[in-house]
């Protein structure tokens, strides 16, 4: 099966199924993008924005499936993150299991609210284009990955001079500094992390695993 990159054009609407509507946050979730994973080319990352206040936390967030306009399942996912905090955008992995036939697509997004209730949101989005074998930042890589001691970043423009932010799996900032090519991660706990690199021209998001 060919690897196709789904580029998100617009989140068109959002619905929620729950018996506990007072705890629902479906209207606060939207899909802002989708791209081929830089670590595993068979996996895609779907970016979900959560616009609730930053004091709000929902647990066990994940995309269980993606459906095409015919209702056929074209991708599946499983619990990956512990949760998501309001005012953050988080990437959720899915694996394609079928060929997309038509849009709009529906992401089945689940989360647990602060009362312990499981809610399911249907997040609809359409595509602007389908591009084969494309990655968000094909020239930039982080290695080794997974790693235990030190990371190296390769492929940035020679004149890149920006900030580097280290985030944990909850989107919390652990460290912020000026960019450098090598990063010590010995003090980090085992798990997934994200490094954000940005200057006045571009922004890069690189995910890595600490083992």
C-alpha atoms as a PDB file:
ATOM      1  CA  UNK A   1       0.000   0.000   0.000  1.00  0.00           C
ATOM      2  CA  UNK A   2       1.315   3.377  -0.920  1.00  0.00           C
ATOM      3  CA  UNK A   3       2.033   5.823   1.858  1.00  0.00           C
ATOM      4  CA  UNK A   4      -0.205   8.834   1.393  1.00  0.00           C
ATOM      5  CA  UNK A   5       0.069  12.017   3.411  1.00  0.00           C
ATOM      6  CA  UNK A   6      -3.280  13.461   4.425  1.00  0.00           C
ATOM      7  CA  UNK A   7      -2.985  17.236   4.519  1.00  0.00           C
ATOM      8  CA  UNK A   8      -5.784  18.806   6.488  1.00  0.00           C
ATOM      9  CA  UNK A   9      -7.670  21.673   4.892  1.00  0.00           C
ATOM     10  CA  UNK A  10     -10.257  22.494   7.517  1.00  0.00           C
ATOM     11  CA  UNK A  11     -12.047  20.996  10.474  1.00  0.00           C
ATOM     12  CA  UNK A  12     -15.667  21.335   9.481  1.00  0.00           C
ATOM     13  CA  UNK A  13     -17.573  20.178  12.547  1.00  0.00           C
ATOM     14  CA  UNK A  14     -17.498  18.219  15.759  1.00  0.00           C
ATOM     15  CA  UNK A  15     -20.040  16.000  17.490  1.00  0.00           C
ATOM     16  CA  UNK A  16     -19.997  14.207  20.799  1.00  0.00           C
ATOM     17  CA  UNK A  17     -21.753  11.101  22.120  1.00  0.00           C
ATOM     18  CA  UNK A  18     -21.980  11.013  25.901  1.00  0.00           C
ATOM     19  CA  UNK A  19     -24.474  10.570  28.651  1.00  0.00           C
ATOM     20  CA  UNK A  20     -22.620  13.211  30.629  1.00  0.00           C
ATOM     21  CA  UNK A  21     -22.940  16.323  28.501  1.00  0.00           C
ATOM     22  CA  UNK A  22     -21.981  18.609  31.385  1.00  0.00           C
ATOM     23  CA  UNK A  23     -18.481  17.100  31.263  1.00  0.00           C
ATOM     24  CA  UNK A  24     -18.098  17.070  27.484  1.00  0.00           C
ATOM     25  CA  UNK A  25     -15.359  19.010  25.730  1.00  0.00           C
ATOM     26  CA  UNK A  26     -16.007  17.879  22.133  1.00  0.00           C
ATOM     27  CA  UNK A  27     -16.597  21.425  20.943  1.00  0.00           C
ATOM     28  CA  UNK A  28     -13.094  22.282  22.223  1.00  0.00           C
ATOM     29  CA  UNK A  29     -11.350  19.659  20.055  1.00  0.00           C
ATOM     30  CA  UNK A  30     -10.452  20.159  16.395  1.00  0.00           C
ATOM     31  CA  UNK A  31      -8.044  18.626  13.897  1.00  0.00           C
ATOM     32  CA  UNK A  32      -5.401  21.032  12.629  1.00  0.00           C
ATOM     33  CA  UNK A  33      -3.205  18.762  10.497  1.00  0.00           C
ATOM     34  CA  UNK A  34      -1.971  15.297   9.601  1.00  0.00           C
ATOM     35  CA  UNK A  35       1.443  14.112   8.420  1.00  0.00           C
ATOM     36  CA  UNK A  36       3.565  11.032   7.932  1.00  0.00           C
ATOM     37  CA  UNK A  37       5.531  10.118  11.038  1.00  0.00           C
ATOM     38  CA  UNK A  38       9.271  10.832  10.866  1.00  0.00           C
ATOM     39  CA  UNK A  39      10.089   7.731  12.931  1.00  0.00           C
ATOM     40  CA  UNK A  40       7.775   5.117  11.438  1.00  0.00           C
ATOM     41  CA  UNK A  41       6.752   5.781   7.795  1.00  0.00           C
ATOM     42  CA  UNK A  42       3.799   3.377   8.134  1.00  0.00           C
ATOM     43  CA  UNK A  43       2.289   5.586  10.819  1.00  0.00           C
ATOM     44  CA  UNK A  44       0.646   8.986  10.491  1.00  0.00           C
ATOM     45  CA  UNK A  45       0.261  11.674  13.117  1.00  0.00           C
ATOM     46  CA  UNK A  46      -3.048  13.538  13.435  1.00  0.00           C
ATOM     47  CA  UNK A  47      -2.766  16.908  15.210  1.00  0.00           C
ATOM     48  CA  UNK A  48      -5.623  17.641  17.618  1.00  0.00           C
ATOM     49  CA  UNK A  49      -6.024  21.090  19.161  1.00  0.00           C
ATOM     50  CA  UNK A  50      -7.696  21.386  22.586  1.00  0.00           C
ATOM     51  CA  UNK A  51      -8.924  24.943  23.186  1.00  0.00           C
ATOM     52  CA  UNK A  52     -10.270  24.524  26.726  1.00  0.00           C
ATOM     53  CA  UNK A  53      -8.545  26.595  29.468  1.00  0.00           C
ATOM     54  CA  UNK A  54      -5.061  25.395  30.424  1.00  0.00           C
ATOM     55  CA  UNK A  55      -6.421  24.369  33.828  1.00  0.00           C
ATOM     56  CA  UNK A  56      -8.437  21.579  32.141  1.00  0.00           C
ATOM     57  CA  UNK A  57      -6.959  18.107  31.724  1.00  0.00           C
ATOM     58  CA  UNK A  58      -8.581  15.133  29.997  1.00  0.00           C
ATOM     59  CA  UNK A  59      -7.082  11.663  30.317  1.00  0.00           C
ATOM     60  CA  UNK A  60      -6.437   8.663  28.084  1.00  0.00           C
ATOM     61  CA  UNK A  61      -6.894  10.574  24.845  1.00  0.00           C
ATOM     62  CA  UNK A  62      -6.522   8.746  21.532  1.00  0.00           C
ATOM     63  CA  UNK A  63      -7.940   8.345  18.028  1.00  0.00           C
ATOM     64  CA  UNK A  64      -9.408   4.840  17.793  1.00  0.00           C
ATOM     65  CA  UNK A  65     -10.312   4.972  14.101  1.00  0.00           C
ATOM     66  CA  UNK A  66     -10.584   7.146  10.995  1.00  0.00           C
ATOM     67  CA  UNK A  67     -13.507   6.615   8.611  1.00  0.00           C
ATOM     68  CA  UNK A  68     -13.964   7.813   5.047  1.00  0.00           C
ATOM     69  CA  UNK A  69     -17.205   9.350   3.737  1.00  0.00           C
ATOM     70  CA  UNK A  70     -18.636   5.852   3.101  1.00  0.00           C
ATOM     71  CA  UNK A  71     -18.157   4.893   6.733  1.00  0.00           C
ATOM     72  CA  UNK A  72     -15.317   2.481   5.933  1.00  0.00           C
ATOM     73  CA  UNK A  73     -12.460   2.292   8.437  1.00  0.00           C
ATOM     74  CA  UNK A  74      -9.254   3.414   6.738  1.00  0.00           C
ATOM     75  CA  UNK A  75      -7.026   3.800   9.811  1.00  0.00           C
ATOM     76  CA  UNK A  76      -6.883   2.701  13.434  1.00  0.00           C
ATOM     77  CA  UNK A  77      -5.153   3.913  16.567  1.00  0.00           C
ATOM     78  CA  UNK A  78      -4.691   2.916  20.197  1.00  0.00           C
ATOM     79  CA  UNK A  79      -4.053   4.688  23.524  1.00  0.00           C
ATOM     80  CA  UNK A  80      -0.715   6.467  23.264  1.00  0.00           C
ATOM     81  CA  UNK A  81      -0.769   9.570  25.456  1.00  0.00           C
ATOM     82  CA  UNK A  82      -1.729   9.780  29.133  1.00  0.00           C
ATOM     83  CA  UNK A  83      -3.875  12.806  28.359  1.00  0.00           C
ATOM     84  CA  UNK A  84      -3.982  16.354  27.030  1.00  0.00           C
ATOM     85  CA  UNK A  85      -4.039  19.778  28.666  1.00  0.00           C
ATOM     86  CA  UNK A  86      -6.159  22.670  27.433  1.00  0.00           C
ATOM     87  CA  UNK A  87      -4.506  25.257  25.156  1.00  0.00           C
ATOM     88  CA  UNK A  88      -2.255  22.602  23.564  1.00  0.00           C
ATOM     89  CA  UNK A  89      -2.029  20.781  20.242  1.00  0.00           C
ATOM     90  CA  UNK A  90      -1.017  17.144  20.390  1.00  0.00           C
ATOM     91  CA  UNK A  91      -0.189  14.568  17.711  1.00  0.00           C
ATOM     92  CA  UNK A  92      -1.932  11.181  17.834  1.00  0.00           C
ATOM     93  CA  UNK A  93      -0.625   8.184  15.848  1.00  0.00           C
ATOM     94  CA  UNK A  94      -2.800   6.187  13.469  1.00  0.00           C
ATOM     95  CA  UNK A  95      -1.960   3.350  11.087  1.00  0.00           C
ATOM     96  CA  UNK A  96      -3.548   3.142   7.636  1.00  0.00           C
ATOM     97  CA  UNK A  97      -5.350  -0.175   7.028  1.00  0.00           C
ATOM     98  CA  UNK A  98      -7.210   0.770   3.842  1.00  0.00           C
ATOM     99  CA  UNK A  99      -7.158   3.117   0.890  1.00  0.00           C
ATOM    100  CA  UNK A 100      -8.997   6.435   1.443  1.00  0.00           C
ATOM    101  CA  UNK A 101     -11.807   6.626  -1.116  1.00  0.00           C
ATOM    102  CA  UNK A 102     -13.566   9.880  -0.363  1.00  0.00           C
ATOM    103  CA  UNK A 103     -13.716  12.758   2.076  1.00  0.00           C
ATOM    104  CA  UNK A 104     -14.692  14.208   4.461  1.00  0.00           C
ATOM    105  CA  UNK A 105     -12.953  11.903   6.918  1.00  0.00           C
ATOM    106  CA  UNK A 106     -14.106  11.244  10.473  1.00  0.00           C
ATOM    107  CA  UNK A 107     -11.658  10.761  13.334  1.00  0.00           C
ATOM    108  CA  UNK A 108     -13.155   8.863  16.275  1.00  0.00           C
ATOM    109  CA  UNK A 109     -11.545  10.614  19.252  1.00  0.00           C
ATOM    110  CA  UNK A 110     -11.960   9.338  22.819  1.00  0.00           C
ATOM    111  CA  UNK A 111     -11.043  10.812  26.192  1.00  0.00           C
ATOM    112  CA  UNK A 112     -11.826  10.480  29.904  1.00  0.00           C
ATOM    113  CA  UNK A 113     -13.199  13.532  31.732  1.00  0.00           C
ATOM    114  CA  UNK A 114     -12.512  14.557  35.320  1.00  0.00           C
ATOM    115  CA  UNK A 115     -15.493  12.488  36.518  1.00  0.00           C
ATOM    116  CA  UNK A 116     -14.053   9.298  35.033  1.00  0.00           C
ATOM    117  CA  UNK A 117     -16.557   9.203  32.162  1.00  0.00           C
ATOM    118  CA  UNK A 118     -15.420   8.065  28.705  1.00  0.00           C
ATOM    119  CA  UNK A 119     -16.614  10.403  25.942  1.00  0.00           C
ATOM    120  CA  UNK A 120     -16.312   9.906  22.179  1.00  0.00           C
ATOM    121  CA  UNK A 121     -16.098  12.782  19.713  1.00  0.00           C
ATOM    122  CA  UNK A 122     -16.442  12.581  15.940  1.00  0.00           C
ATOM    123  CA  UNK A 123     -14.061  15.110  14.393  1.00  0.00           C
ATOM    124  CA  UNK A 124     -14.734  15.714  10.704  1.00  0.00           C
ATOM    125  CA  UNK A 125     -12.168  17.076   8.283  1.00  0.00           C
ATOM    126  CA  UNK A 126     -11.582  17.267   4.545  1.00  0.00           C
ATOM    127  CA  UNK A 127      -8.394  17.016   2.515  1.00  0.00           C
ATOM    128  CA  UNK A 128      -6.671  19.596   0.390  1.00  0.00           C
ATOM    129  CA  UNK A 129      -4.393  17.119  -1.352  1.00  0.00           C
ATOM    130  CA  UNK A 130      -2.905  13.624  -1.191  1.00  0.00           C
ATOM    131  CA  UNK A 131       0.873  13.605  -1.546  1.00  0.00           C
ATOM    132  CA  UNK A 132       2.865  10.388  -1.716  1.00  0.00           C
ATOM    133  CA  UNK A 133       5.877   9.716   0.490  1.00  0.00           C
ATOM    134  CA  UNK A 134       6.119  13.212   1.887  1.00  0.00           C
ATOM    135  CA  UNK A 135       7.203  14.053   5.420  1.00  0.00           C
ATOM    136  CA  UNK A 136       6.713  17.357   7.235  1.00  0.00           C
ATOM    137  CA  UNK A 137      10.436  18.123   7.511  1.00  0.00           C
ATOM    138  CA  UNK A 138      12.197  15.598   5.266  1.00  0.00           C
ATOM    139  CA  UNK A 139      15.592  17.256   5.617  1.00  0.00           C
ATOM    140  CA  UNK A 140      15.640  17.332   9.426  1.00  0.00           C
ATOM    141  CA  UNK A 141      16.259  14.245  11.555  1.00  0.00           C
ATOM    142  CA  UNK A 142      17.013  13.392  15.149  1.00  0.00           C
ATOM    143  CA  UNK A 143      19.229  10.437  16.084  1.00  0.00           C
ATOM    144  CA  UNK A 144      19.672   7.989  17.647  1.00  0.00           C
ATOM    145  CA  UNK A 145      15.992   7.370  18.188  1.00  0.00           C
ATOM    146  CA  UNK A 146      15.190   5.832  20.639  1.00  0.00           C
ATOM    147  CA  UNK A 147      18.097   7.065  22.732  1.00  0.00           C
ATOM    148  CA  UNK A 148      19.297   6.932  26.319  1.00  0.00           C
ATOM    149  CA  UNK A 149      22.169   9.384  26.648  1.00  0.00           C
ATOM    150  CA  UNK A 150      22.564  12.034  23.947  1.00  0.00           C
ATOM    151  CA  UNK A 151      20.609  13.163  20.894  1.00  0.00           C
ATOM    152  CA  UNK A 152      21.857  14.855  17.732  1.00  0.00           C
ATOM    153  CA  UNK A 153      19.877  16.957  15.255  1.00  0.00           C
ATOM    154  CA  UNK A 154      20.849  16.860  11.599  1.00  0.00           C
ATOM    155  CA  UNK A 155      19.647  18.656   8.507  1.00  0.00           C
ATOM    156  CA  UNK A 156      18.762  22.141   9.749  1.00  0.00           C
ATOM    157  CA  UNK A 157      19.747  25.106   7.556  1.00  0.00           C
ATOM    158  CA  UNK A 158      23.280  26.309   8.282  1.00  0.00           C
ATOM    159  CA  UNK A 159      21.996  29.729   9.280  1.00  0.00           C
ATOM    160  CA  UNK A 160      19.366  28.361  11.703  1.00  0.00           C
ATOM    161  CA  UNK A 161      19.570  30.406  14.895  1.00  0.00           C
ATOM    162  CA  UNK A 162      16.528  29.913  17.054  1.00  0.00           C
ATOM    163  CA  UNK A 163      15.033  28.541  20.234  1.00  0.00           C
ATOM    164  CA  UNK A 164      14.772  24.934  21.352  1.00  0.00           C
ATOM    165  CA  UNK A 165      11.934  23.757  23.607  1.00  0.00           C
ATOM    166  CA  UNK A 166      11.690  20.288  25.158  1.00  0.00           C
ATOM    167  CA  UNK A 167       8.149  19.025  25.909  1.00  0.00           C
ATOM    168  CA  UNK A 168       6.961  15.891  27.659  1.00  0.00           C
ATOM    169  CA  UNK A 169       4.072  13.693  26.455  1.00  0.00           C
ATOM    170  CA  UNK A 170       1.569  15.987  28.188  1.00  0.00           C
ATOM    171  CA  UNK A 171       2.796  19.018  26.271  1.00  0.00           C
ATOM    172  CA  UNK A 172       4.454  20.508  29.357  1.00  0.00           C
ATOM    173  CA  UNK A 173       7.636  22.537  28.826  1.00  0.00           C
ATOM    174  CA  UNK A 174      10.606  20.866  30.514  1.00  0.00           C
ATOM    175  CA  UNK A 175      13.411  22.985  29.130  1.00  0.00           C
ATOM    176  CA  UNK A 176      13.893  26.026  26.902  1.00  0.00           C
ATOM    177  CA  UNK A 177      17.205  27.213  25.508  1.00  0.00           C
ATOM    178  CA  UNK A 178      18.991  28.408  22.404  1.00  0.00           C
ATOM    179  CA  UNK A 179      19.433  25.743  19.738  1.00  0.00           C
ATOM    180  CA  UNK A 180      22.370  23.359  19.899  1.00  0.00           C
ATOM    181  CA  UNK A 181      23.062  20.248  17.828  1.00  0.00           C
ATOM    182  CA  UNK A 182      23.541  17.845  20.724  1.00  0.00           C
ATOM    183  CA  UNK A 183      21.145  17.364  23.645  1.00  0.00           C
ATOM    184  CA  UNK A 184      21.710  15.343  26.810  1.00  0.00           C
ATOM    185  CA  UNK A 185      18.646  13.326  27.857  1.00  0.00           C
ATOM    186  CA  UNK A 186      20.184  11.157  30.585  1.00  0.00           C
ATOM    187  CA  UNK A 187      18.038  12.772  33.292  1.00  0.00           C
ATOM    188  CA  UNK A 188      14.744  12.166  31.464  1.00  0.00           C
ATOM    189  CA  UNK A 189      12.360   9.384  32.442  1.00  0.00           C
ATOM    190  CA  UNK A 190      11.542   6.658  29.922  1.00  0.00           C
ATOM    191  CA  UNK A 191       8.866   7.772  27.470  1.00  0.00           C
ATOM    192  CA  UNK A 192       8.039   9.973  24.476  1.00  0.00           C
ATOM    193  CA  UNK A 193       9.133  13.612  24.128  1.00  0.00           C
ATOM    194  CA  UNK A 194       8.973  16.399  21.553  1.00  0.00           C
ATOM    195  CA  UNK A 195      11.604  18.995  20.642  1.00  0.00           C
ATOM    196  CA  UNK A 196      10.318  22.214  19.081  1.00  0.00           C
ATOM    197  CA  UNK A 197      12.820  24.266  17.082  1.00  0.00           C
ATOM    198  CA  UNK A 198      11.814  27.689  15.827  1.00  0.00           C
ATOM    199  CA  UNK A 199      13.294  30.882  14.454  1.00  0.00           C
ATOM    200  CA  UNK A 200      11.844  33.780  12.493  1.00  0.00           C
ATOM    201  CA  UNK A 201      11.596  31.654   9.340  1.00  0.00           C
ATOM    202  CA  UNK A 202      10.471  28.146  10.296  1.00  0.00           C
ATOM    203  CA  UNK A 203       9.302  25.792  13.038  1.00  0.00           C
ATOM    204  CA  UNK A 204      10.221  22.119  13.368  1.00  0.00           C
ATOM    205  CA  UNK A 205       8.644  19.490  15.598  1.00  0.00           C
ATOM    206  CA  UNK A 206      10.738  16.368  16.270  1.00  0.00           C
ATOM    207  CA  UNK A 207       9.499  13.445  18.365  1.00  0.00           C
ATOM    208  CA  UNK A 208      11.844  11.017  20.098  1.00  0.00           C
ATOM    209  CA  UNK A 209      11.732   8.181  22.613  1.00  0.00           C
ATOM    210  CA  UNK A 210      13.893   7.894  25.756  1.00  0.00           C
ATOM    211  CA  UNK A 211      14.654   4.288  26.671  1.00  0.00           C
END
